[in-house]
C-alpha atoms as a PDB file:
ATOM      1  CA  UNK A   1     138.964 138.030 105.287  1.00  0.00           C
ATOM      2  CA  UNK A   2     141.116 135.106 106.396  1.00  0.00           C
ATOM      3  CA  UNK A   3     139.287 133.132 109.057  1.00  0.00           C
ATOM      4  CA  UNK A   4     142.076 130.573 109.484  1.00  0.00           C
ATOM      5  CA  UNK A   5     140.492 128.194 106.994  1.00  0.00           C
ATOM      6  CA  UNK A   6     142.072 127.589 103.635  1.00  0.00           C
ATOM      7  CA  UNK A   7     140.635 126.694 100.254  1.00  0.00           C
ATOM      8  CA  UNK A   8     142.873 125.188  97.598  1.00  0.00           C
ATOM      9  CA  UNK A   9     142.338 123.613  94.219  1.00  0.00           C
ATOM     10  CA  UNK A  10     141.773 119.906  94.767  1.00  0.00           C
ATOM     11  CA  UNK A  11     143.312 118.862  91.455  1.00  0.00           C
ATOM     12  CA  UNK A  12     143.990 115.154  91.912  1.00  0.00           C
ATOM     13  CA  UNK A  13     143.667 115.308  95.682  1.00  0.00           C
ATOM     14  CA  UNK A  14     141.016 113.388  97.559  1.00  0.00           C
ATOM     15  CA  UNK A  15     140.831 116.056 100.308  1.00  0.00           C
ATOM     16  CA  UNK A  16     141.191 119.831 100.249  1.00  0.00           C
ATOM     17  CA  UNK A  17     144.489 120.986 101.766  1.00  0.00           C
ATOM     18  CA  UNK A  18     144.963 123.699 104.351  1.00  0.00           C
ATOM     19  CA  UNK A  19     148.067 125.785 104.864  1.00  0.00           C
ATOM     20  CA  UNK A  20     147.059 127.954 107.826  1.00  0.00           C
ATOM     21  CA  UNK A  21     149.347 127.650 110.841  1.00  0.00           C
ATOM     22  CA  UNK A  22     148.448 125.779 113.964  1.00  0.00           C
ATOM     23  CA  UNK A  23     148.952 122.216 112.719  1.00  0.00           C
ATOM     24  CA  UNK A  24     152.107 120.317 113.636  1.00  0.00           C
ATOM     25  CA  UNK A  25     153.270 116.719 113.523  1.00  0.00           C
ATOM     26  CA  UNK A  26     155.410 115.132 116.238  1.00  0.00           C
ATOM     27  CA  UNK A  27     157.687 112.347 114.998  1.00  0.00           C
ATOM     28  CA  UNK A  28     160.124 110.682 117.391  1.00  0.00           C
ATOM     29  CA  UNK A  29     159.644 113.528 119.937  1.00  0.00           C
ATOM     30  CA  UNK A  30     160.484 116.226 117.339  1.00  0.00           C
ATOM     31  CA  UNK A  31     157.813 118.810 116.444  1.00  0.00           C
ATOM     32  CA  UNK A  32     157.453 119.770 112.757  1.00  0.00           C
ATOM     33  CA  UNK A  33     155.040 122.523 111.661  1.00  0.00           C
ATOM     34  CA  UNK A  34     152.964 121.160 108.779  1.00  0.00           C
ATOM     35  CA  UNK A  35     153.621 122.750 105.379  1.00  0.00           C
ATOM     36  CA  UNK A  36     150.118 121.683 104.394  1.00  0.00           C
ATOM     37  CA  UNK A  37     147.614 119.197 105.716  1.00  0.00           C
ATOM     38  CA  UNK A  38     144.186 117.666 105.194  1.00  0.00           C
ATOM     39  CA  UNK A  39     142.019 114.926 106.613  1.00  0.00           C
ATOM     40  CA  UNK A  40     143.954 112.594 104.345  1.00  0.00           C
ATOM     41  CA  UNK A  41     147.548 113.502 105.123  1.00  0.00           C
ATOM     42  CA  UNK A  42     150.238 116.141 105.518  1.00  0.00           C
ATOM     43  CA  UNK A  43     153.579 117.367 104.276  1.00  0.00           C
ATOM     44  CA  UNK A  44     156.602 118.488 106.280  1.00  0.00           C
ATOM     45  CA  UNK A  45     159.900 120.196 105.503  1.00  0.00           C
ATOM     46  CA  UNK A  46     163.365 119.208 106.724  1.00  0.00           C
ATOM     47  CA  UNK A  47     162.424 116.031 108.572  1.00  0.00           C
ATOM     48  CA  UNK A  48     165.276 114.402 110.464  1.00  0.00           C
ATOM     49  CA  UNK A  49     165.721 110.676 110.020  1.00  0.00           C
ATOM     50  CA  UNK A  50     166.121 108.118 107.314  1.00  0.00           C
ATOM     51  CA  UNK A  51     162.707 107.757 105.717  1.00  0.00           C
ATOM     52  CA  UNK A  52     161.750 106.183 102.408  1.00  0.00           C
ATOM     53  CA  UNK A  53     158.604 106.191 100.317  1.00  0.00           C
ATOM     54  CA  UNK A  54     156.340 103.393 101.529  1.00  0.00           C
ATOM     55  CA  UNK A  55     157.556 103.550 105.147  1.00  0.00           C
ATOM     56  CA  UNK A  56     154.848 103.564 107.794  1.00  0.00           C
ATOM     57  CA  UNK A  57     155.351 106.091 110.576  1.00  0.00           C
ATOM     58  CA  UNK A  58     153.655 106.713 113.892  1.00  0.00           C
ATOM     59  CA  UNK A  59     153.289 110.205 115.279  1.00  0.00           C
ATOM     60  CA  UNK A  60     151.170 112.654 117.216  1.00  0.00           C
ATOM     61  CA  UNK A  61     149.019 115.375 115.676  1.00  0.00           C
ATOM     62  CA  UNK A  62     149.093 118.787 117.357  1.00  0.00           C
ATOM     63  CA  UNK A  63     146.418 121.391 116.580  1.00  0.00           C
ATOM     64  CA  UNK A  64     146.729 124.914 117.982  1.00  0.00           C
ATOM     65  CA  UNK A  65     149.213 123.713 120.601  1.00  0.00           C
ATOM     66  CA  UNK A  66     147.059 120.819 121.842  1.00  0.00           C
ATOM     67  CA  UNK A  67     148.321 117.303 121.253  1.00  0.00           C
ATOM     68  CA  UNK A  68     145.893 114.604 120.170  1.00  0.00           C
ATOM     69  CA  UNK A  69     144.883 111.965 122.687  1.00  0.00           C
ATOM     70  CA  UNK A  70     146.403 109.162 120.673  1.00  0.00           C
ATOM     71  CA  UNK A  71     148.901 108.498 117.915  1.00  0.00           C
ATOM     72  CA  UNK A  72     148.262 108.311 114.193  1.00  0.00           C
ATOM     73  CA  UNK A  73     149.802 106.020 111.623  1.00  0.00           C
ATOM     74  CA  UNK A  74     150.712 107.283 108.160  1.00  0.00           C
ATOM     75  CA  UNK A  75     152.436 106.039 105.020  1.00  0.00           C
ATOM     76  CA  UNK A  76     155.114 108.140 103.367  1.00  0.00           C
ATOM     77  CA  UNK A  77     153.967 108.688  99.786  1.00  0.00           C
ATOM     78  CA  UNK A  78     156.599 111.166  98.571  1.00  0.00           C
ATOM     79  CA  UNK A  79     160.020 112.466  99.504  1.00  0.00           C
ATOM     80  CA  UNK A  80     161.369 115.299  97.378  1.00  0.00           C
ATOM     81  CA  UNK A  81     165.040 116.244  96.917  1.00  0.00           C
ATOM     82  CA  UNK A  82     164.199 119.585  98.576  1.00  0.00           C
ATOM     83  CA  UNK A  83     163.535 117.702 101.832  1.00  0.00           C
ATOM     84  CA  UNK A  84     159.726 117.772 101.656  1.00  0.00           C
ATOM     85  CA  UNK A  85     158.079 114.641 103.064  1.00  0.00           C
ATOM     86  CA  UNK A  86     154.425 113.883 102.216  1.00  0.00           C
ATOM     87  CA  UNK A  87     152.407 111.240 104.033  1.00  0.00           C
ATOM     88  CA  UNK A  88     148.906 109.771 103.890  1.00  0.00           C
ATOM     89  CA  UNK A  89     147.080 108.954 107.110  1.00  0.00           C
ATOM     90  CA  UNK A  90     146.382 105.233 107.553  1.00  0.00           C
ATOM     91  CA  UNK A  91     144.960 105.526 111.088  1.00  0.00           C
ATOM     92  CA  UNK A  92     143.672 108.775 112.591  1.00  0.00           C
ATOM     93  CA  UNK A  93     141.311 109.297 115.523  1.00  0.00           C
ATOM     94  CA  UNK A  94     137.806 110.486 114.715  1.00  0.00           C
ATOM     95  CA  UNK A  95     138.116 113.655 116.814  1.00  0.00           C
ATOM     96  CA  UNK A  96     141.346 114.596 115.001  1.00  0.00           C
ATOM     97  CA  UNK A  97     139.717 113.901 111.634  1.00  0.00           C
ATOM     98  CA  UNK A  98     136.798 116.166 112.531  1.00  0.00           C
ATOM     99  CA  UNK A  99     139.093 118.921 113.825  1.00  0.00           C
ATOM    100  CA  UNK A 100     141.117 118.909 110.599  1.00  0.00           C
ATOM    101  CA  UNK A 101     137.986 118.867 108.457  1.00  0.00           C
ATOM    102  CA  UNK A 102     136.629 121.934 110.274  1.00  0.00           C
ATOM    103  CA  UNK A 103     139.811 123.851 109.455  1.00  0.00           C
ATOM    104  CA  UNK A 104     139.501 123.418 105.662  1.00  0.00           C
ATOM    105  CA  UNK A 105     136.733 124.788 103.456  1.00  0.00           C
ATOM    106  CA  UNK A 106     135.811 122.661 100.483  1.00  0.00           C
ATOM    107  CA  UNK A 107     135.894 124.595  97.207  1.00  0.00           C
ATOM    108  CA  UNK A 108     132.526 125.556  95.749  1.00  0.00           C
ATOM    109  CA  UNK A 109     131.330 123.668  92.705  1.00  0.00           C
END
């Protein structure tokens, strides 16, 4: 049964990643559905704009159609030739952190 939570192999990751729908990132008034996400960061496809690894970006987190009360700040940690952008949260509200953590199940073990 899929309850909307996702479990993935952590590998080198600090946080388990989720891939279930319902999480989006708004950058410069453009909404991007998250490819994957965690309490630590997110990745997006086909992001418009000139971004480079190391850039800090401000945006709004949207969960199940509801926008967060305040912005987040993240650092771009990877940009792939395919257009995938991965970022690590630097500042994220506590309620948004909790909401994301409730959407991901930690792997057993």
